[in-house]
Amino acid sequence: MSHLIDTLKQVPDFRSAHGRTHPLWLLLLLMVMGMLAGYQGYRPLETFTSDYRQPLSELLGLESLEVPSHTKSDSLTPEISHLSSWPPMVLR
């Protein structure tokens, strides 16, 4: 998993400084993990993060994990909206 995190940390953050509550790599990682677990869409991804907050915090070595709201995921839409059109078997 550390290779994936290192790779995600290299993705340029296109968001304005005003909206950066969470690091982009963390949002992307949570989206990837949630999608692989079958959580498709903004609200289901928020549910995934909320339901697995403690194990995710421990896995990622975070003291605590503030659950990003679906509105945070919405802010990523312009750049990654094409992912939702991938065939489901690619995302599972």
Protein backbone atom coordinates (compact mmCIF):
# COMPACT_ATOMS: atom_id res chain seq x y z
CA MET A 1 0.00 0.00 0.00
CA SER A 2 2.92 2.36 0.62
CA HIS A 3 3.70 2.37 -3.11
CA LEU A 4 0.14 3.46 -3.89
CA ILE A 5 0.32 6.21 -1.27
CA ASP A 6 3.68 7.43 -2.60
CA THR A 7 2.21 7.50 -6.11
CA LEU A 8 -0.92 9.37 -5.00
CA LYS A 9 1.22 11.92 -3.16
CA GLN A 10 2.79 12.84 -6.51
CA VAL A 11 -0.57 13.79 -8.06
CA PRO A 12 -0.62 17.59 -8.38
CA ASP A 13 -3.31 19.18 -6.22
CA PHE A 14 -5.52 21.22 -8.54
CA ARG A 15 -7.80 22.50 -5.77
CA SER A 16 -7.73 26.06 -4.50
CA ALA A 17 -5.91 26.56 -1.21
CA HIS A 18 -9.22 27.58 0.37
CA GLY A 19 -10.78 24.13 -0.05
CA ARG A 20 -7.89 21.96 1.12
CA THR A 21 -9.15 20.45 4.36
CA HIS A 22 -7.68 17.02 3.57
CA PRO A 23 -4.57 16.19 1.57
CA LEU A 24 -5.44 15.16 -1.98
CA TRP A 25 -3.57 11.85 -1.69
CA LEU A 26 -5.77 10.88 1.28
CA LEU A 27 -9.00 11.73 -0.54
CA LEU A 28 -7.90 9.77 -3.58
CA LEU A 29 -6.81 6.80 -1.45
CA LEU A 30 -10.13 6.72 0.39
CA MET A 31 -11.96 6.88 -2.95
CA VAL A 32 -9.91 4.01 -4.38
CA MET A 33 -10.36 1.87 -1.26
CA GLY A 34 -14.08 2.59 -1.08
CA MET A 35 -14.62 1.86 -4.77
CA LEU A 36 -12.72 -1.42 -4.49
CA ALA A 37 -14.97 -2.31 -1.55
CA GLY A 38 -18.06 -1.66 -3.69
CA TYR A 39 -19.01 1.83 -2.49
CA GLN A 40 -19.93 3.71 -5.67
CA GLY A 41 -20.82 7.41 -5.55
CA TYR A 42 -20.17 10.33 -3.23
CA ARG A 43 -22.49 9.46 -0.37
CA PRO A 44 -21.57 5.75 -0.32
CA LEU A 45 -17.88 6.73 -0.20
CA GLU A 46 -18.65 9.02 2.72
CA THR A 47 -20.41 6.08 4.39
CA PHE A 48 -17.40 3.83 3.75
CA THR A 49 -15.05 6.31 5.38
CA SER A 50 -17.40 6.85 8.31
CA ASP A 51 -18.07 3.14 8.87
CA TYR A 52 -14.37 2.24 8.76
CA ARG A 53 -12.92 5.36 10.40
CA GLN A 54 -11.04 3.55 13.18
CA PRO A 55 -9.52 0.72 11.08
CA LEU A 56 -8.57 3.23 8.36
CA SER A 57 -6.91 5.50 10.92
CA GLU A 58 -4.91 2.57 12.28
CA LEU A 59 -4.00 1.25 8.83
CA LEU A 60 -2.82 4.66 7.63
CA GLY A 61 -1.07 5.54 10.89
CA LEU A 62 -3.27 8.56 11.48
CA GLU A 63 -4.07 9.75 14.99
CA SER A 64 -7.66 10.28 13.93
CA LEU A 65 -9.47 10.44 10.62
CA GLU A 66 -11.93 13.24 10.07
CA VAL A 67 -14.48 11.90 7.65
CA PRO A 68 -14.50 13.91 4.42
CA SER A 69 -18.03 14.83 3.44
CA HIS A 70 -19.47 14.03 0.03
CA THR A 71 -19.07 17.73 -0.78
CA LYS A 72 -15.28 17.26 -0.58
CA SER A 73 -15.52 14.45 -3.11
CA ASP A 74 -17.72 16.66 -5.27
CA SER A 75 -14.81 19.11 -5.54
CA LEU A 76 -12.75 16.42 -7.26
CA THR A 77 -15.40 15.81 -9.91
CA PRO A 78 -14.03 17.96 -12.74
CA GLU A 79 -10.74 16.09 -12.82
CA ILE A 80 -11.83 12.52 -12.11
CA SER A 81 -15.46 12.36 -13.24
CA HIS A 82 -14.50 9.96 -16.03
CA LEU A 83 -13.76 7.26 -13.42
CA SER A 84 -17.47 6.78 -12.78
CA SER A 85 -17.93 5.58 -16.35
CA TRP A 86 -15.43 2.72 -15.95
CA PRO A 87 -16.92 -0.74 -16.16
CA PRO A 88 -17.86 -1.96 -12.65
CA MET A 89 -15.55 -4.96 -12.91
CA VAL A 90 -12.58 -2.60 -13.25
CA LEU A 91 -13.56 -0.77 -10.07
CA ARG A 92 -14.17 -3.88 -7.95
